[in-house]
Amino acid sequence: MSLRIVFMGTPEFSVPTLMEIVGQGHEVVACYSQPPRPAGRGMDLRKSPVHEAAETLGIPVFTPTSLKDPQEQERFAALDADVAVVVAYGLLLPKPILEAPREGCLNLHASLLPRWRGAAPINRAIIAGDRETGVEVMRMEEGLDTGPVCMSEVVPIGPDMTAGDLHDRLSTLGADLMVRALAALSRGALMQTPQAETGATYAAKISKAECRIDWTKGAAAVHNHIRGLSPFPGAWCEVALGGRTERIKVLRSRVEARSEARSEDGTGVAGTVLDVSEAPVVACGSGAVRLLQVQRAGKKPMSGAEFQRGAKLQAGVVLA
């Protein structure tokens, strides 16, 4: 049985779920998304990926800045939805919104709750060095990602998997999981399990301040930081190139199998470039990492070897 659905989402992560819902024959009566934002060099207003996808499907799109206004709540209720599907929408849903659809609101969340509730579960899982994560469909309530879980899929996190790699895997898997949950809902067979009372962690939004690489940490922690922020917003450091200091993003790395990280003069200062025979190898507080993919300001991503050929770093140079 097809359902009458309001879809609420904003980034690219949400789009596969919207497309799957429509492809399964459900009636999406409206999409809610974040308002257009300035973007690009010209800072022109740009619609969100969900907004653009909905328009190509002929679905009405609403972009309120808040859902606390009674008129917005009345408009939402008037859509007469069976259920609202929420995927990385970006606005808190007040109680009148949560209670308006006949079957409430289902949220697709990219972690194994209660671990990594909040805004950046994919990044935080990788930065923390987690070996597995997943995607879950949960019934929403007023608390932040505290509702009971209806369905879940577990995904291993490989040792070199980036946030971008994991994002794409969970986005596709989550779309399939949500349509399975909607099929169960339509049959009256969607079960739910309360979240565990222990083990909750909060996935705070990534701040600009934490994107700078701290080379004094161990190699594994530096590697996890790099891949956990790749490709966006990107972990970065500074290096002297051509007589000026340039910021570079490090998008992929590899932990080097070395018992210790020391520069040629034996000082072993964290951030010291140890080896430039291929992609640069950089000393950490313990161990070292090889820079496999970097991005210079205003340039496209390039391999570490390509970067070294252009930058001509010397062993002993210190990255800050």
Protein backbone atom coordinates (compact mmCIF):
# COMPACT_ATOMS: atom_id res chain seq x y z
CA MET A 1 0.00 0.00 0.00
CA SER A 2 1.35 3.43 -0.92
CA LEU A 3 1.67 6.07 1.79
CA ARG A 4 1.09 9.79 1.75
CA ILE A 5 4.48 11.19 2.78
CA VAL A 6 6.11 14.51 3.62
CA PHE A 7 9.86 14.29 2.99
CA MET A 8 12.22 16.48 5.03
CA GLY A 9 15.90 16.64 4.07
CA THR A 10 18.63 18.92 2.79
CA PRO A 11 22.05 17.54 1.71
CA GLU A 12 23.15 15.08 -0.95
CA PHE A 13 23.01 12.30 1.66
CA SER A 14 19.20 12.61 1.68
CA VAL A 15 18.57 12.45 -2.07
CA PRO A 16 18.79 8.65 -2.61
CA THR A 17 16.11 8.12 0.05
CA LEU A 18 13.78 10.60 -1.64
CA MET A 19 14.32 8.95 -5.02
CA GLU A 20 13.73 5.44 -3.60
CA ILE A 21 10.50 6.53 -1.90
CA VAL A 22 9.16 7.98 -5.13
CA GLY A 23 10.38 4.94 -7.06
CA GLN A 24 8.43 2.63 -4.76
CA GLY A 25 5.20 4.40 -5.68
CA HIS A 26 4.58 6.37 -2.50
CA GLU A 27 2.93 9.78 -2.81
CA VAL A 28 5.33 12.51 -1.66
CA VAL A 29 2.97 15.45 -1.18
CA ALA A 30 5.69 17.96 -0.22
CA CYS A 31 9.38 18.32 0.54
CA TYR A 32 10.82 20.48 3.30
CA SER A 33 14.43 21.62 2.96
CA GLN A 34 16.79 24.28 4.25
CA PRO A 35 16.48 27.64 2.44
CA PRO A 36 18.84 28.43 -0.46
CA ARG A 37 22.27 29.57 0.80
CA PRO A 38 25.02 31.71 -0.75
CA ALA A 39 27.62 29.45 -2.36
CA GLY A 40 30.47 29.50 -4.86
CA ARG A 41 32.79 32.33 -5.76
CA GLY A 42 29.93 34.63 -6.67
CA MET A 43 28.05 33.72 -3.47
CA ASP A 44 24.85 33.28 -5.46
CA LEU A 45 21.92 31.65 -3.69
CA ARG A 46 21.98 27.91 -4.27
CA LYS A 47 19.14 25.47 -3.62
CA SER A 48 19.87 22.40 -1.57
CA PRO A 49 20.34 19.01 -3.31
CA VAL A 50 16.97 17.83 -1.96
CA HIS A 51 15.28 21.04 -3.16
CA GLU A 52 16.65 20.55 -6.67
CA ALA A 53 15.76 16.84 -6.75
CA ALA A 54 12.21 17.53 -5.57
CA GLU A 55 11.68 20.15 -8.26
CA THR A 56 12.77 17.70 -10.98
CA LEU A 57 10.12 15.31 -9.64
CA GLY A 58 7.43 18.00 -9.58
CA ILE A 59 7.10 17.93 -5.79
CA PRO A 60 6.21 21.19 -3.98
CA VAL A 61 9.11 22.45 -1.82
CA PHE A 62 8.87 24.49 1.39
CA THR A 63 11.93 26.17 2.92
CA PRO A 64 10.96 27.76 6.26
CA THR A 65 13.72 29.01 8.54
CA SER A 66 11.82 27.64 11.55
CA LEU A 67 8.91 25.32 12.27
CA LYS A 68 7.94 27.01 15.53
CA ASP A 69 5.52 29.45 13.89
CA PRO A 70 1.87 28.35 14.33
CA GLN A 71 1.11 29.18 10.69
CA GLU A 72 3.93 26.88 9.53
CA GLN A 73 2.59 24.15 11.78
CA GLU A 74 -0.91 24.59 10.37
CA ARG A 75 0.42 24.37 6.81
CA PHE A 76 2.30 21.19 7.67
CA ALA A 77 -0.76 19.61 9.31
CA ALA A 78 -2.91 20.52 6.31
CA LEU A 79 -0.77 18.25 4.12
CA ASP A 80 -2.62 15.34 5.79
CA ALA A 81 0.37 13.00 5.67
CA ASP A 82 0.44 9.40 6.81
CA VAL A 83 4.07 9.82 7.86
CA ALA A 84 6.97 12.27 7.61
CA VAL A 85 10.37 10.93 6.57
CA VAL A 86 13.30 12.96 7.91
CA VAL A 87 16.85 12.56 6.55
CA ALA A 88 19.44 15.15 7.64
CA TYR A 89 16.92 18.00 7.48
CA GLY A 90 18.73 20.40 9.79
CA LEU A 91 15.83 21.92 11.75
CA LEU A 92 14.41 20.80 15.07
CA LEU A 93 10.86 19.48 14.81
CA PRO A 94 8.59 20.85 17.56
CA LYS A 95 5.92 18.66 19.10
CA PRO A 96 3.05 19.85 16.82
CA ILE A 97 5.08 18.83 13.77
CA LEU A 98 6.03 15.46 15.26
CA GLU A 99 2.41 14.69 16.05
CA ALA A 100 0.79 15.92 12.83
CA PRO A 101 1.27 12.85 10.57
CA ARG A 102 -0.97 9.90 11.41
CA GLU A 103 2.03 7.59 11.89
CA GLY A 104 4.39 10.22 13.26
CA CYS A 105 7.89 10.94 11.90
CA LEU A 106 10.56 8.43 10.89
CA ASN A 107 14.20 9.55 10.90
CA LEU A 108 17.12 7.98 9.04
CA HIS A 109 20.23 8.35 11.20
CA ALA A 110 23.80 7.44 10.19
CA SER A 111 25.02 5.66 13.32
CA LEU A 112 24.20 2.79 15.65
CA LEU A 113 22.25 4.62 18.31
CA PRO A 114 22.69 5.63 21.07
CA ARG A 115 26.29 6.09 19.90
CA TRP A 116 26.80 9.32 17.95
CA ARG A 117 23.54 11.14 18.36
CA GLY A 118 23.65 14.56 16.72
CA ALA A 119 24.86 16.39 13.65
CA ALA A 120 28.09 14.69 12.51
CA PRO A 121 27.88 10.94 13.23
CA ILE A 122 29.85 9.84 10.16
CA ASN A 123 32.81 12.13 10.85
CA ARG A 124 32.87 11.40 14.58
CA ALA A 125 32.82 7.64 14.15
CA ILE A 126 35.91 7.72 11.92
CA ILE A 127 37.79 10.31 13.99
CA ALA A 128 37.21 8.14 17.07
CA GLY A 129 38.62 5.11 15.26
CA ASP A 130 35.38 3.11 15.41
CA ARG A 131 35.54 -0.16 13.50
CA GLU A 132 31.86 -0.28 12.69
CA THR A 133 28.86 1.98 12.40
CA GLY A 134 25.56 1.72 10.61
CA VAL A 135 22.32 3.36 9.58
CA GLU A 136 19.03 3.19 11.44
CA VAL A 137 15.39 4.11 11.04
CA MET A 138 13.98 5.50 14.28
CA ARG A 139 10.71 7.00 15.42
CA MET A 140 11.25 10.62 16.31
CA GLU A 141 10.45 12.18 19.65
CA GLU A 142 11.32 15.55 21.18
CA GLY A 143 14.74 14.45 22.43
CA LEU A 144 17.80 14.59 20.14
CA ASP A 145 17.94 11.22 18.34
CA THR A 146 16.50 9.46 21.40
CA GLY A 147 13.51 7.69 19.84
CA PRO A 148 13.06 3.92 19.53
CA VAL A 149 14.85 2.14 16.69
CA CYS A 150 12.76 0.34 14.07
CA MET A 151 15.37 -1.07 11.67
CA SER A 152 19.15 -1.00 11.36
CA GLU A 153 22.05 -2.14 9.20
CA VAL A 154 25.64 -2.49 10.43
CA VAL A 155 28.55 -1.34 8.25
CA PRO A 156 32.25 -2.05 8.93
CA ILE A 157 34.61 0.91 8.79
CA GLY A 158 37.80 -0.03 6.95
CA PRO A 159 41.14 1.25 8.29
CA ASP A 160 41.55 3.70 5.42
CA MET A 161 37.88 4.53 4.74
CA THR A 162 37.19 8.27 4.58
CA ALA A 163 34.08 10.12 5.70
CA GLY A 164 33.22 10.56 2.02
CA ASP A 165 33.48 6.81 1.38
CA LEU A 166 31.30 6.03 4.39
CA HIS A 167 28.82 8.79 3.53
CA ASP A 168 28.17 7.27 0.11
CA ARG A 169 27.82 3.73 1.51
CA LEU A 170 25.37 4.76 4.23
CA SER A 171 23.38 7.03 1.92
CA THR A 172 22.65 4.17 -0.48
CA LEU A 173 22.05 1.61 2.25
CA GLY A 174 19.86 4.02 4.18
CA ALA A 175 17.60 4.63 1.19
CA ASP A 176 16.92 0.90 0.93
CA LEU A 177 16.40 0.61 4.68
CA MET A 178 13.85 3.43 4.76
CA VAL A 179 11.69 2.00 1.96
CA ARG A 180 11.74 -1.36 3.76
CA ALA A 181 10.60 0.41 6.92
CA LEU A 182 7.81 2.17 5.01
CA ALA A 183 6.67 -1.14 3.52
CA ALA A 184 6.47 -2.61 7.02
CA LEU A 185 4.63 0.50 8.24
CA SER A 186 2.05 0.18 5.49
CA ARG A 187 1.35 -3.41 6.62
CA GLY A 188 1.12 -2.41 10.28
CA ALA A 189 4.21 -4.51 10.97
CA LEU A 190 6.89 -1.93 11.80
CA MET A 191 8.38 -2.92 15.16
CA GLN A 192 10.43 -0.68 17.43
CA THR A 193 12.97 -1.16 20.22
CA PRO A 194 13.88 1.46 22.83
CA GLN A 195 17.47 2.66 22.69
CA ALA A 196 19.91 1.41 25.29
CA GLU A 197 20.20 3.64 28.34
CA THR A 198 24.00 3.42 28.35
CA GLY A 199 26.63 4.15 25.73
CA ALA A 200 25.20 7.40 24.41
CA THR A 201 27.68 9.78 22.77
CA TYR A 202 27.14 13.11 21.05
CA ALA A 203 28.36 13.82 17.51
CA ALA A 204 28.88 17.57 17.68
CA LYS A 205 29.05 19.55 14.45
CA ILE A 206 32.59 19.85 13.12
CA SER A 207 34.09 23.25 13.98
CA LYS A 208 36.68 25.10 11.87
CA ALA A 209 39.08 25.14 14.81
CA GLU A 210 39.39 21.36 14.97
CA CYS A 211 40.26 20.92 11.29
CA ARG A 212 43.94 21.83 11.77
CA ILE A 213 46.12 18.73 12.00
CA ASP A 214 47.83 18.22 15.34
CA TRP A 215 51.03 16.39 14.43
CA THR A 216 51.89 15.85 18.12
CA LYS A 217 49.22 13.14 18.30
CA GLY A 218 50.04 9.54 17.46
CA ALA A 219 50.04 8.42 13.83
CA ALA A 220 46.78 6.47 14.17
CA ALA A 221 44.98 9.49 15.65
CA VAL A 222 46.34 11.81 12.94
CA HIS A 223 45.30 9.33 10.23
CA ASN A 224 41.79 9.02 11.71
CA HIS A 225 41.49 12.81 11.92
CA ILE A 226 42.48 13.20 8.27
CA ARG A 227 40.11 10.57 6.91
CA GLY A 228 37.31 11.60 9.26
CA LEU A 229 37.28 15.09 7.73
CA SER A 230 37.77 14.04 4.10
CA PRO A 231 36.66 15.38 1.70
CA PHE A 232 34.80 18.06 3.65
CA PRO A 233 35.62 20.22 5.49
CA GLY A 234 39.13 18.77 5.16
CA ALA A 235 41.98 18.45 7.66
CA TRP A 236 44.71 20.98 6.94
CA CYS A 237 48.20 22.11 7.80
CA GLU A 238 50.55 24.88 6.71
CA VAL A 239 53.82 24.58 4.82
CA ALA A 240 56.33 27.09 3.45
CA LEU A 241 56.25 26.94 -0.37
CA GLY A 242 57.88 29.39 -2.75
CA GLY A 243 58.73 31.85 -0.01
CA ARG A 244 55.24 32.00 1.46
CA THR A 245 53.16 29.96 3.85
CA GLU A 246 50.44 27.93 2.14
CA ARG A 247 47.56 26.00 3.65
CA ILE A 248 47.07 22.51 2.23
CA LYS A 249 44.30 20.02 2.90
CA VAL A 250 45.24 16.39 3.43
CA LEU A 251 42.48 14.14 2.08
CA ARG A 252 44.00 10.67 2.32
CA SER A 253 46.85 9.24 4.35
CA ARG A 254 48.38 5.97 5.46
CA VAL A 255 50.01 5.00 8.73
CA GLU A 256 53.62 4.05 8.06
CA ALA A 257 55.02 0.91 9.61
CA ARG A 258 57.84 2.57 11.56
CA SER A 259 58.80 1.99 15.15
CA GLU A 260 59.65 5.66 15.56
CA ALA A 261 59.49 8.86 13.51
CA ARG A 262 62.71 10.84 13.32
CA SER A 263 63.98 13.41 10.87
CA GLU A 264 67.42 13.07 9.34
CA ASP A 265 69.02 15.22 12.04
CA GLY A 266 67.52 12.98 14.72
CA THR A 267 65.30 15.57 16.37
CA GLY A 268 62.04 13.77 15.63
CA VAL A 269 59.95 16.96 15.83
CA ALA A 270 56.28 16.25 15.18
CA GLY A 271 55.33 17.55 11.74
CA THR A 272 58.80 16.97 10.28
CA VAL A 273 58.93 15.66 6.72
CA LEU A 274 60.97 12.44 6.93
CA ASP A 275 60.90 11.02 3.43
CA VAL A 276 60.22 12.64 0.05
CA SER A 277 61.13 9.75 -2.26
CA GLU A 278 57.45 9.41 -3.22
CA ALA A 279 54.54 10.94 -1.34
CA PRO A 280 55.78 12.83 1.73
CA VAL A 281 56.07 10.97 5.03
CA VAL A 282 55.48 13.15 8.08
CA ALA A 283 56.48 12.49 11.70
CA CYS A 284 53.77 12.42 14.32
CA GLY A 285 54.02 12.41 18.11
CA SER A 286 54.65 8.69 17.69
CA GLY A 287 54.92 6.97 14.34
CA ALA A 288 54.42 8.65 10.98
CA VAL A 289 51.88 9.03 8.18
CA ARG A 290 52.29 9.20 4.42
CA LEU A 291 50.27 11.88 2.61
CA LEU A 292 48.50 10.03 -0.20
CA GLN A 293 46.18 12.78 -1.44
CA VAL A 294 46.34 16.52 -0.84
CA GLN A 295 44.71 19.67 -2.14
CA ARG A 296 46.46 23.00 -2.50
CA ALA A 297 44.47 26.22 -2.21
CA GLY A 298 42.48 26.84 -5.39
CA LYS A 299 43.58 23.52 -6.92
CA LYS A 300 41.95 20.15 -7.48
CA PRO A 301 42.89 17.18 -5.28
CA MET A 302 46.13 15.50 -6.34
CA SER A 303 48.15 12.49 -5.27
CA GLY A 304 50.85 12.96 -2.69
CA ALA A 305 53.45 12.10 -5.33
CA GLU A 306 52.09 14.79 -7.68
CA PHE A 307 52.14 17.30 -4.84
CA GLN A 308 55.76 16.42 -4.01
CA ARG A 309 56.86 16.84 -7.63
CA GLY A 310 55.42 20.36 -7.66
CA ALA A 311 56.22 21.44 -4.11
CA LYS A 312 59.71 19.85 -3.95
CA LEU A 313 59.61 19.51 -0.18
CA GLN A 314 62.93 18.75 1.47
CA ALA A 315 63.38 16.24 4.29
CA GLY A 316 63.53 18.15 7.55
CA VAL A 317 60.88 20.71 6.63
CA VAL A 318 58.29 21.05 9.39
CA LEU A 319 54.58 21.23 8.63
CA ALA A 320 52.62 23.37 11.08
